[in-house]
Amino acid sequence: MMLILGLGCRRGCSVEELAELAQAVLNEAGCEVDQLAALATLDARLEEPGLQELARLWQLPLRGFPADHLAARPGTTSASPVALQHTGSPSIAEAAALLAAGAEARLLVSKRKSAAATAALAYA
């Protein structure tokens, strides 16, 4: 089974907040960091220091997808008007996880939120 953690965040979100939320999602699924194949997000967030640092700490590739691809990905369970307004996609974490995991991907953990981040876990 391939596991992908999708992440969304506000600009300037700390690696600590991202790691705490990501670990909570993994715990909820009964999974470990070393089971992840990659982290995935909106391509416009690939330069975010917090996301880059989490990918480095966890030794995982960080994949980014254009907003129009995220918006078109079926299978998401929660749409955010705020995300749509700011990014052009109503789903970041869920859609990125699903896209990175492939055509047959399903959500294992739907979107979870912290103050400045979102995370979701997909499998294929």
Protein backbone atom coordinates (compact mmCIF):
# COMPACT_ATOMS: atom_id res chain seq x y z
CA MET A 1 0.00 0.00 0.00
CA MET A 2 1.31 3.45 -0.95
CA LEU A 3 0.59 6.23 1.56
CA ILE A 4 0.73 9.93 0.68
CA LEU A 5 0.31 12.76 3.17
CA GLY A 6 -1.31 15.84 1.66
CA LEU A 7 -0.60 19.16 3.33
CA GLY A 8 -1.94 22.65 2.97
CA CYS A 9 -0.77 25.67 4.93
CA ARG A 10 -0.86 29.42 5.25
CA ARG A 11 2.30 31.26 4.31
CA GLY A 12 4.79 31.20 7.16
CA CYS A 13 3.34 28.12 8.88
CA SER A 14 5.97 26.60 11.17
CA VAL A 15 7.50 23.18 10.67
CA GLU A 16 6.49 22.41 14.26
CA GLU A 17 2.80 23.01 13.52
CA LEU A 18 2.98 21.01 10.30
CA ALA A 19 4.80 18.11 11.98
CA GLU A 20 2.36 18.02 14.91
CA LEU A 21 -0.68 17.93 12.62
CA ALA A 22 0.94 15.42 10.26
CA GLN A 23 1.85 13.12 13.16
CA ALA A 24 -1.70 13.35 14.53
CA VAL A 25 -3.10 12.25 11.14
CA LEU A 26 -0.63 9.34 10.98
CA ASN A 27 -1.52 8.33 14.55
CA GLU A 28 -5.22 8.41 13.68
CA ALA A 29 -4.55 6.02 10.79
CA GLY A 30 -2.26 3.79 12.84
CA CYS A 31 0.63 4.56 10.48
CA GLU A 32 4.26 5.59 10.89
CA VAL A 33 6.28 8.24 9.06
CA ASP A 34 8.46 5.55 7.45
CA GLN A 35 5.38 4.15 5.68
CA LEU A 36 4.88 7.39 3.71
CA ALA A 37 5.96 7.55 0.06
CA ALA A 38 5.77 11.35 -0.23
CA LEU A 39 4.28 14.63 0.95
CA ALA A 40 2.04 16.52 -1.47
CA THR A 41 0.73 20.07 -1.66
CA LEU A 42 -0.23 22.96 -3.90
CA ASP A 43 2.63 23.82 -6.29
CA ALA A 44 2.52 27.45 -5.13
CA ARG A 45 3.48 26.23 -1.62
CA LEU A 46 6.55 24.21 -2.63
CA GLU A 47 8.84 27.05 -1.51
CA GLU A 48 7.27 27.28 1.96
CA PRO A 49 10.10 26.82 4.50
CA GLY A 50 7.92 24.79 6.90
CA LEU A 51 6.95 22.29 4.19
CA GLN A 52 10.51 22.05 2.89
CA GLU A 53 11.85 21.49 6.39
CA LEU A 54 9.28 18.76 7.15
CA ALA A 55 10.16 16.97 3.91
CA ARG A 56 13.85 17.21 4.82
CA LEU A 57 13.33 16.02 8.41
CA TRP A 58 11.19 13.08 7.32
CA GLN A 59 13.40 12.40 4.27
CA LEU A 60 10.45 12.44 1.86
CA PRO A 61 9.90 13.98 -1.57
CA LEU A 62 7.59 17.01 -1.60
CA ARG A 63 5.34 17.00 -4.68
CA GLY A 64 3.31 19.97 -5.84
CA PHE A 65 0.26 20.19 -8.08
CA PRO A 66 -1.36 23.15 -9.87
CA ALA A 67 -4.57 24.48 -8.35
CA ASP A 68 -6.63 23.53 -11.42
CA HIS A 69 -5.51 19.89 -11.10
CA LEU A 70 -6.37 19.89 -7.39
CA ALA A 71 -9.78 21.45 -8.06
CA ALA A 72 -10.56 18.79 -10.69
CA ARG A 73 -9.63 15.77 -8.50
CA PRO A 74 -12.74 13.82 -7.45
CA GLY A 75 -12.94 12.02 -4.12
CA THR A 76 -12.39 14.91 -1.75
CA THR A 77 -14.74 15.15 1.23
CA SER A 78 -14.43 18.75 2.32
CA ALA A 79 -14.44 21.94 0.30
CA SER A 80 -13.15 25.21 1.72
CA PRO A 81 -14.40 28.51 0.32
CA VAL A 82 -11.31 30.15 1.89
CA ALA A 83 -8.94 27.77 0.10
CA LEU A 84 -10.81 28.32 -3.16
CA GLN A 85 -10.55 32.11 -2.77
CA HIS A 86 -6.83 32.07 -1.91
CA THR A 87 -5.56 29.25 -4.13
CA GLY A 88 -8.09 28.49 -6.85
CA SER A 89 -8.89 25.03 -5.43
CA PRO A 90 -11.49 24.16 -2.78
CA SER A 91 -9.28 21.32 -1.53
CA ILE A 92 -5.53 21.29 -1.00
CA ALA A 93 -4.53 18.53 1.47
CA GLU A 94 -7.07 15.93 0.33
CA ALA A 95 -6.75 16.61 -3.39
CA ALA A 96 -2.93 16.70 -3.28
CA ALA A 97 -2.77 13.40 -1.38
CA LEU A 98 -5.19 11.76 -3.82
CA LEU A 99 -3.40 13.09 -6.91
CA ALA A 100 0.01 11.98 -5.68
CA ALA A 101 -1.28 8.51 -4.78
CA GLY A 102 -2.73 7.92 -8.27
CA ALA A 103 -5.99 7.26 -10.06
CA GLU A 104 -7.20 4.52 -7.70
CA ALA A 105 -6.38 6.45 -4.51
CA ARG A 106 -8.81 6.77 -1.62
CA LEU A 107 -8.69 8.84 1.55
CA LEU A 108 -7.62 7.00 4.69
CA VAL A 109 -7.94 10.13 6.86
CA SER A 110 -9.93 13.10 5.55
CA LYS A 111 -8.86 16.71 6.13
CA ARG A 112 -7.75 17.61 9.63
CA LYS A 113 -6.97 21.21 10.57
CA SER A 114 -4.73 23.16 12.89
CA ALA A 115 -4.56 26.93 13.19
CA ALA A 116 -2.54 27.39 9.98
CA ALA A 117 -2.40 23.98 8.29
CA THR A 118 -4.44 21.10 6.91
CA ALA A 119 -3.45 17.48 6.40
CA ALA A 120 -5.05 14.39 4.86
CA LEU A 121 -3.82 10.85 4.21
CA ALA A 122 -4.48 8.91 1.00
CA TYR A 123 -3.62 5.36 0.00
CA ALA A 124 -3.46 3.36 -3.18
